[in-house]
Amino acid sequence: MELLQKLLLGGGVLIRSVRSLVIAVCLLVLMHLFVMTIIIVDGHSMDPTLQDHEGIVLNKLARTDTLQRGDIVVFHFPGDPKRNFIKRVTGLPGEAIQVKNGNLYVNNVALEESYLPTDVQTTITDNDFVTTTPVTVPESSYFLSGDNREKSNDSRAFGFVDQRFIIGTAMFSVWPTFEVYTRPYYPPKQ
């Protein structure tokens, strides 16, 4: 009992240092599990916004909030939950999504996506989930798109992503450069 009291309440410099180190490690582990973490982007589906091997800080608290259009999210791939994907929220619960004329349409209005290069076309194949016929995003689900539309396996192919699969939202890049991610402006609907 005396040793336990000494470890918890007192002791010399060594015991206080070890106690501080253990507390710091516990706090870091809790932050990593529940608040934020660093992930490394693997692939080119979010070019030019995110580069392959870019290190970003992920806000894990955002997974319980209502996401907004333009948020960049990391999620467990529904077909294989051991794999994580990173995409942008382009369709919200209750919205009608369709692809036509090289654009993504939300509720029959072309989505203005300023983060995409001007020559990018949003296309579909015969096997895709989303077609030129509108499909409605279910409650608690999202339509997610890669910024590199030609090389992105996204909701056009695998369908909507339930909120329970979302790990968190990208806050900022820490490597190779520092950049804070802001939600893009979407003009109001006419």
C-alpha atoms as a PDB file:
ATOM      1  CA  MET A   1       0.000   0.000   0.000  1.00  0.00           C
ATOM      2  CA  GLU A   2       2.826   2.377   0.826  1.00  0.00           C
ATOM      3  CA  LEU A   3       4.452   1.739  -2.575  1.00  0.00           C
ATOM      4  CA  LEU A   4       1.150   2.465  -4.363  1.00  0.00           C
ATOM      5  CA  GLN A   5       0.730   5.735  -2.425  1.00  0.00           C
ATOM      6  CA  LYS A   6       4.271   6.716  -3.301  1.00  0.00           C
ATOM      7  CA  LEU A   7       3.679   5.972  -6.989  1.00  0.00           C
ATOM      8  CA  LEU A   8       0.379   7.864  -7.141  1.00  0.00           C
ATOM      9  CA  LEU A   9       0.997  10.784  -4.814  1.00  0.00           C
ATOM     10  CA  GLY A  10       4.651  11.358  -4.257  1.00  0.00           C
ATOM     11  CA  GLY A  11       8.066  10.032  -4.899  1.00  0.00           C
ATOM     12  CA  GLY A  12      11.237  11.468  -6.248  1.00  0.00           C
ATOM     13  CA  VAL A  13      12.018  12.984  -9.600  1.00  0.00           C
ATOM     14  CA  LEU A  14      12.098   9.596 -11.331  1.00  0.00           C
ATOM     15  CA  ILE A  15       8.660   8.531 -10.076  1.00  0.00           C
ATOM     16  CA  ARG A  16       7.109  11.926 -10.939  1.00  0.00           C
ATOM     17  CA  SER A  17       8.677  11.768 -14.414  1.00  0.00           C
ATOM     18  CA  VAL A  18       7.418   8.233 -15.063  1.00  0.00           C
ATOM     19  CA  ARG A  19       3.938   9.198 -13.795  1.00  0.00           C
ATOM     20  CA  SER A  20       3.876  12.255 -16.115  1.00  0.00           C
ATOM     21  CA  LEU A  21       5.026  10.134 -19.063  1.00  0.00           C
ATOM     22  CA  VAL A  22       2.329   7.494 -18.426  1.00  0.00           C
ATOM     23  CA  ILE A  23      -0.374  10.188 -18.197  1.00  0.00           C
ATOM     24  CA  ALA A  24       0.864  11.833 -21.417  1.00  0.00           C
ATOM     25  CA  VAL A  25       0.877   8.519 -23.300  1.00  0.00           C
ATOM     26  CA  CYS A  26      -2.643   7.699 -22.053  1.00  0.00           C
ATOM     27  CA  LEU A  27      -3.908  11.107 -23.184  1.00  0.00           C
ATOM     28  CA  LEU A  28      -2.298  10.694 -26.615  1.00  0.00           C
ATOM     29  CA  VAL A  29      -3.852   7.245 -27.060  1.00  0.00           C
ATOM     30  CA  LEU A  30      -7.301   8.549 -26.056  1.00  0.00           C
ATOM     31  CA  MET A  31      -6.961  11.502 -28.461  1.00  0.00           C
ATOM     32  CA  HIS A  32      -5.922   9.139 -31.266  1.00  0.00           C
ATOM     33  CA  LEU A  33      -8.859   6.805 -30.623  1.00  0.00           C
ATOM     34  CA  PHE A  34     -11.616   9.363 -30.101  1.00  0.00           C
ATOM     35  CA  VAL A  35     -10.631  12.908 -31.124  1.00  0.00           C
ATOM     36  CA  MET A  36      -8.108  13.119 -33.971  1.00  0.00           C
ATOM     37  CA  THR A  37      -5.483  11.117 -35.791  1.00  0.00           C
ATOM     38  CA  ILE A  38      -3.024  11.467 -38.644  1.00  0.00           C
ATOM     39  CA  ILE A  39      -3.585   9.420 -41.794  1.00  0.00           C
ATOM     40  CA  ILE A  40      -1.594   9.074 -44.992  1.00  0.00           C
ATOM     41  CA  VAL A  41      -3.469   9.424 -48.288  1.00  0.00           C
ATOM     42  CA  ASP A  42      -2.997   6.312 -50.428  1.00  0.00           C
ATOM     43  CA  GLY A  43      -3.833   6.880 -54.084  1.00  0.00           C
ATOM     44  CA  HIS A  44      -4.794   9.577 -56.545  1.00  0.00           C
ATOM     45  CA  SER A  45      -8.609   9.657 -56.280  1.00  0.00           C
ATOM     46  CA  MET A  46      -8.583  13.082 -54.584  1.00  0.00           C
ATOM     47  CA  ASP A  47      -6.071  14.791 -56.927  1.00  0.00           C
ATOM     48  CA  PRO A  48      -5.566  17.743 -57.134  1.00  0.00           C
ATOM     49  CA  THR A  49      -6.903  18.520 -53.618  1.00  0.00           C
ATOM     50  CA  LEU A  50      -5.009  15.726 -51.842  1.00  0.00           C
ATOM     51  CA  GLN A  51      -1.862  14.117 -53.165  1.00  0.00           C
ATOM     52  CA  ASP A  52      -0.728  10.501 -52.840  1.00  0.00           C
ATOM     53  CA  HIS A  53       1.250  10.027 -49.565  1.00  0.00           C
ATOM     54  CA  GLU A  54       0.053  13.342 -48.121  1.00  0.00           C
ATOM     55  CA  GLY A  55      -0.296  13.357 -44.320  1.00  0.00           C
ATOM     56  CA  ILE A  56      -3.558  14.813 -43.039  1.00  0.00           C
ATOM     57  CA  VAL A  57      -5.105  15.300 -39.612  1.00  0.00           C
ATOM     58  CA  LEU A  58      -8.529  13.745 -39.265  1.00  0.00           C
ATOM     59  CA  ASN A  59     -11.206  15.081 -36.899  1.00  0.00           C
ATOM     60  CA  LYS A  60     -12.899  11.976 -35.475  1.00  0.00           C
ATOM     61  CA  LEU A  61     -15.495  13.970 -33.526  1.00  0.00           C
ATOM     62  CA  ALA A  62     -17.050  15.084 -36.829  1.00  0.00           C
ATOM     63  CA  ARG A  63     -18.208  11.542 -37.584  1.00  0.00           C
ATOM     64  CA  THR A  64     -21.055  11.990 -35.119  1.00  0.00           C
ATOM     65  CA  ASP A  65     -22.078  15.392 -36.487  1.00  0.00           C
ATOM     66  CA  THR A  66     -24.184  16.020 -39.529  1.00  0.00           C
ATOM     67  CA  LEU A  67     -21.792  16.293 -42.445  1.00  0.00           C
ATOM     68  CA  GLN A  68     -22.105  19.066 -44.992  1.00  0.00           C
ATOM     69  CA  ARG A  69     -21.530  19.164 -48.728  1.00  0.00           C
ATOM     70  CA  GLY A  70     -17.863  19.687 -49.491  1.00  0.00           C
ATOM     71  CA  ASP A  71     -16.510  17.985 -46.361  1.00  0.00           C
ATOM     72  CA  ILE A  72     -13.624  15.617 -47.085  1.00  0.00           C
ATOM     73  CA  VAL A  73     -14.212  12.380 -45.183  1.00  0.00           C
ATOM     74  CA  VAL A  74     -12.386   9.136 -44.489  1.00  0.00           C
ATOM     75  CA  PHE A  75     -14.600   6.073 -44.238  1.00  0.00           C
ATOM     76  CA  HIS A  76     -14.511   2.302 -44.071  1.00  0.00           C
ATOM     77  CA  PHE A  77     -15.245   0.984 -47.562  1.00  0.00           C
ATOM     78  CA  PRO A  78     -18.680  -0.715 -47.257  1.00  0.00           C
ATOM     79  CA  GLY A  79     -17.566  -3.704 -49.377  1.00  0.00           C
ATOM     80  CA  ASP A  80     -14.467  -4.324 -47.223  1.00  0.00           C
ATOM     81  CA  PRO A  81     -14.472  -2.494 -43.850  1.00  0.00           C
ATOM     82  CA  LYS A  82     -10.740  -3.189 -43.423  1.00  0.00           C
ATOM     83  CA  ARG A  83     -10.041  -0.708 -46.262  1.00  0.00           C
ATOM     84  CA  ASN A  84     -10.372   3.044 -45.778  1.00  0.00           C
ATOM     85  CA  PHE A  85     -11.255   5.480 -48.556  1.00  0.00           C
ATOM     86  CA  ILE A  86     -11.119   9.279 -48.657  1.00  0.00           C
ATOM     87  CA  LYS A  87     -13.713  11.226 -50.673  1.00  0.00           C
ATOM     88  CA  ARG A  88     -15.733  14.449 -50.673  1.00  0.00           C
ATOM     89  CA  VAL A  89     -19.383  14.704 -49.583  1.00  0.00           C
ATOM     90  CA  THR A  90     -21.362  15.722 -52.677  1.00  0.00           C
ATOM     91  CA  GLY A  91     -24.833  14.399 -51.845  1.00  0.00           C
ATOM     92  CA  LEU A  92     -26.726  14.726 -48.564  1.00  0.00           C
ATOM     93  CA  PRO A  93     -29.561  12.616 -47.109  1.00  0.00           C
ATOM     94  CA  GLY A  94     -32.827  13.101 -49.007  1.00  0.00           C
ATOM     95  CA  GLU A  95     -31.245  14.630 -52.114  1.00  0.00           C
ATOM     96  CA  ALA A  96     -31.730  13.277 -55.646  1.00  0.00           C
ATOM     97  CA  ILE A  97     -28.404  12.538 -57.372  1.00  0.00           C
ATOM     98  CA  GLN A  98     -27.772  11.910 -61.048  1.00  0.00           C
ATOM     99  CA  VAL A  99     -24.997  12.240 -63.605  1.00  0.00           C
ATOM    100  CA  LYS A 100     -25.704  13.872 -66.954  1.00  0.00           C
ATOM    101  CA  ASN A 101     -23.982  16.130 -69.465  1.00  0.00           C
ATOM    102  CA  GLY A 102     -20.615  15.508 -67.751  1.00  0.00           C
ATOM    103  CA  ASN A 103     -21.838  16.963 -64.438  1.00  0.00           C
ATOM    104  CA  LEU A 104     -23.111  15.771 -61.100  1.00  0.00           C
ATOM    105  CA  TYR A 105     -26.666  16.959 -60.495  1.00  0.00           C
ATOM    106  CA  VAL A 106     -28.217  17.421 -57.056  1.00  0.00           C
ATOM    107  CA  ASN A 107     -31.999  17.863 -57.047  1.00  0.00           C
ATOM    108  CA  ASN A 108     -31.870  18.490 -60.808  1.00  0.00           C
ATOM    109  CA  VAL A 109     -29.327  21.351 -60.511  1.00  0.00           C
ATOM    110  CA  ALA A 110     -25.721  20.943 -61.708  1.00  0.00           C
ATOM    111  CA  LEU A 111     -23.384  21.046 -58.721  1.00  0.00           C
ATOM    112  CA  GLU A 112     -20.825  23.848 -59.095  1.00  0.00           C
ATOM    113  CA  GLU A 113     -17.544  22.272 -57.979  1.00  0.00           C
ATOM    114  CA  SER A 114     -14.855  24.964 -57.940  1.00  0.00           C
ATOM    115  CA  TYR A 115     -12.253  22.508 -56.581  1.00  0.00           C
ATOM    116  CA  LEU A 116     -12.339  20.480 -59.827  1.00  0.00           C
ATOM    117  CA  PRO A 117     -10.208  21.443 -62.833  1.00  0.00           C
ATOM    118  CA  THR A 118     -12.394  23.004 -65.541  1.00  0.00           C
ATOM    119  CA  ASP A 119     -11.892  20.142 -68.010  1.00  0.00           C
ATOM    120  CA  VAL A 120     -13.053  17.389 -65.606  1.00  0.00           C
ATOM    121  CA  GLN A 121     -16.132  15.428 -66.663  1.00  0.00           C
ATOM    122  CA  THR A 122     -18.238  13.371 -64.267  1.00  0.00           C
ATOM    123  CA  THR A 123     -19.125  10.191 -66.152  1.00  0.00           C
ATOM    124  CA  ILE A 124     -20.701   6.811 -65.487  1.00  0.00           C
ATOM    125  CA  THR A 125     -20.399   3.318 -66.912  1.00  0.00           C
ATOM    126  CA  ASP A 126     -23.088   0.724 -67.549  1.00  0.00           C
ATOM    127  CA  ASN A 127     -22.225  -1.036 -64.278  1.00  0.00           C
ATOM    128  CA  ASP A 128     -22.406   2.041 -62.055  1.00  0.00           C
ATOM    129  CA  PHE A 129     -24.859   2.489 -59.191  1.00  0.00           C
ATOM    130  CA  VAL A 130     -25.766   6.051 -60.216  1.00  0.00           C
ATOM    131  CA  THR A 131     -27.096   6.667 -63.693  1.00  0.00           C
ATOM    132  CA  THR A 132     -28.767   9.448 -65.626  1.00  0.00           C
ATOM    133  CA  THR A 133     -31.956   8.604 -63.697  1.00  0.00           C
ATOM    134  CA  PRO A 134     -32.085  10.384 -60.304  1.00  0.00           C
ATOM    135  CA  VAL A 135     -31.549   8.248 -57.173  1.00  0.00           C
ATOM    136  CA  THR A 136     -32.361   9.536 -53.693  1.00  0.00           C
ATOM    137  CA  VAL A 137     -29.770   9.455 -50.916  1.00  0.00           C
ATOM    138  CA  PRO A 138     -31.267   7.547 -47.937  1.00  0.00           C
ATOM    139  CA  GLU A 139     -31.425   9.054 -44.444  1.00  0.00           C
ATOM    140  CA  SER A 140     -28.127   8.792 -42.518  1.00  0.00           C
ATOM    141  CA  SER A 141     -26.241   8.160 -45.781  1.00  0.00           C
ATOM    142  CA  TYR A 142     -24.115  10.278 -48.098  1.00  0.00           C
ATOM    143  CA  PHE A 143     -23.053  10.374 -51.727  1.00  0.00           C
ATOM    144  CA  LEU A 144     -19.247  10.620 -51.808  1.00  0.00           C
ATOM    145  CA  SER A 145     -17.107  11.590 -54.815  1.00  0.00           C
ATOM    146  CA  GLY A 146     -13.392  11.707 -55.511  1.00  0.00           C
ATOM    147  CA  ASP A 147     -12.050  14.973 -56.925  1.00  0.00           C
ATOM    148  CA  ASN A 148     -10.164  13.018 -59.600  1.00  0.00           C
ATOM    149  CA  ARG A 149     -13.382  11.796 -61.249  1.00  0.00           C
ATOM    150  CA  GLU A 150     -11.633   9.769 -63.950  1.00  0.00           C
ATOM    151  CA  LYS A 151      -9.646   7.692 -61.445  1.00  0.00           C
ATOM    152  CA  SER A 152     -11.985   7.525 -58.459  1.00  0.00           C
ATOM    153  CA  ASN A 153     -13.892   4.512 -57.178  1.00  0.00           C
ATOM    154  CA  ASP A 154     -16.665   6.420 -55.430  1.00  0.00           C
ATOM    155  CA  SER A 155     -20.432   6.438 -54.799  1.00  0.00           C
ATOM    156  CA  ARG A 156     -21.086   6.396 -58.541  1.00  0.00           C
ATOM    157  CA  ALA A 157     -19.848   2.787 -58.475  1.00  0.00           C
ATOM    158  CA  PHE A 158     -20.463   1.438 -54.943  1.00  0.00           C
ATOM    159  CA  GLY A 159     -23.477   3.477 -53.873  1.00  0.00           C
ATOM    160  CA  PHE A 160     -24.272   5.522 -50.796  1.00  0.00           C
ATOM    161  CA  VAL A 161     -22.186   5.377 -47.631  1.00  0.00           C
ATOM    162  CA  ASP A 162     -23.961   5.052 -44.299  1.00  0.00           C
ATOM    163  CA  GLN A 163     -22.808   7.516 -41.633  1.00  0.00           C
ATOM    164  CA  ARG A 164     -21.711   4.644 -39.366  1.00  0.00           C
ATOM    165  CA  PHE A 165     -18.869   3.866 -41.810  1.00  0.00           C
ATOM    166  CA  ILE A 166     -17.457   7.416 -41.622  1.00  0.00           C
ATOM    167  CA  ILE A 167     -14.328   7.737 -39.468  1.00  0.00           C
ATOM    168  CA  GLY A 168     -13.934  11.530 -39.578  1.00  0.00           C
ATOM    169  CA  THR A 169     -13.315  14.656 -41.642  1.00  0.00           C
ATOM    170  CA  ALA A 170     -10.029  16.047 -42.935  1.00  0.00           C
ATOM    171  CA  MET A 171      -8.994  19.180 -41.028  1.00  0.00           C
ATOM    172  CA  PHE A 172      -5.550  20.027 -42.410  1.00  0.00           C
ATOM    173  CA  SER A 173      -2.460  18.685 -44.116  1.00  0.00           C
ATOM    174  CA  VAL A 174       0.741  18.291 -42.109  1.00  0.00           C
ATOM    175  CA  TRP A 175       3.029  16.826 -44.764  1.00  0.00           C
ATOM    176  CA  PRO A 176       4.600  17.701 -47.207  1.00  0.00           C
ATOM    177  CA  THR A 177       3.100  21.177 -46.669  1.00  0.00           C
ATOM    178  CA  PHE A 178       0.702  22.672 -44.138  1.00  0.00           C
ATOM    179  CA  GLU A 179      -2.733  23.507 -45.526  1.00  0.00           C
ATOM    180  CA  VAL A 180      -6.068  23.963 -43.769  1.00  0.00           C
ATOM    181  CA  TYR A 181      -9.039  22.434 -45.603  1.00  0.00           C
ATOM    182  CA  THR A 182     -12.083  24.643 -45.848  1.00  0.00           C
ATOM    183  CA  ARG A 183     -15.476  23.682 -47.094  1.00  0.00           C
ATOM    184  CA  PRO A 184     -15.979  25.061 -50.622  1.00  0.00           C
ATOM    185  CA  TYR A 185     -18.656  27.617 -51.363  1.00  0.00           C
ATOM    186  CA  TYR A 186     -21.715  26.295 -53.130  1.00  0.00           C
ATOM    187  CA  PRO A 187     -23.987  28.981 -54.613  1.00  0.00           C
ATOM    188  CA  PRO A 188     -27.555  28.981 -53.316  1.00  0.00           C
ATOM    189  CA  LYS A 189     -30.112  27.045 -55.336  1.00  0.00           C
ATOM    190  CA  GLN A 190     -32.125  29.121 -57.806  1.00  0.00           C
END
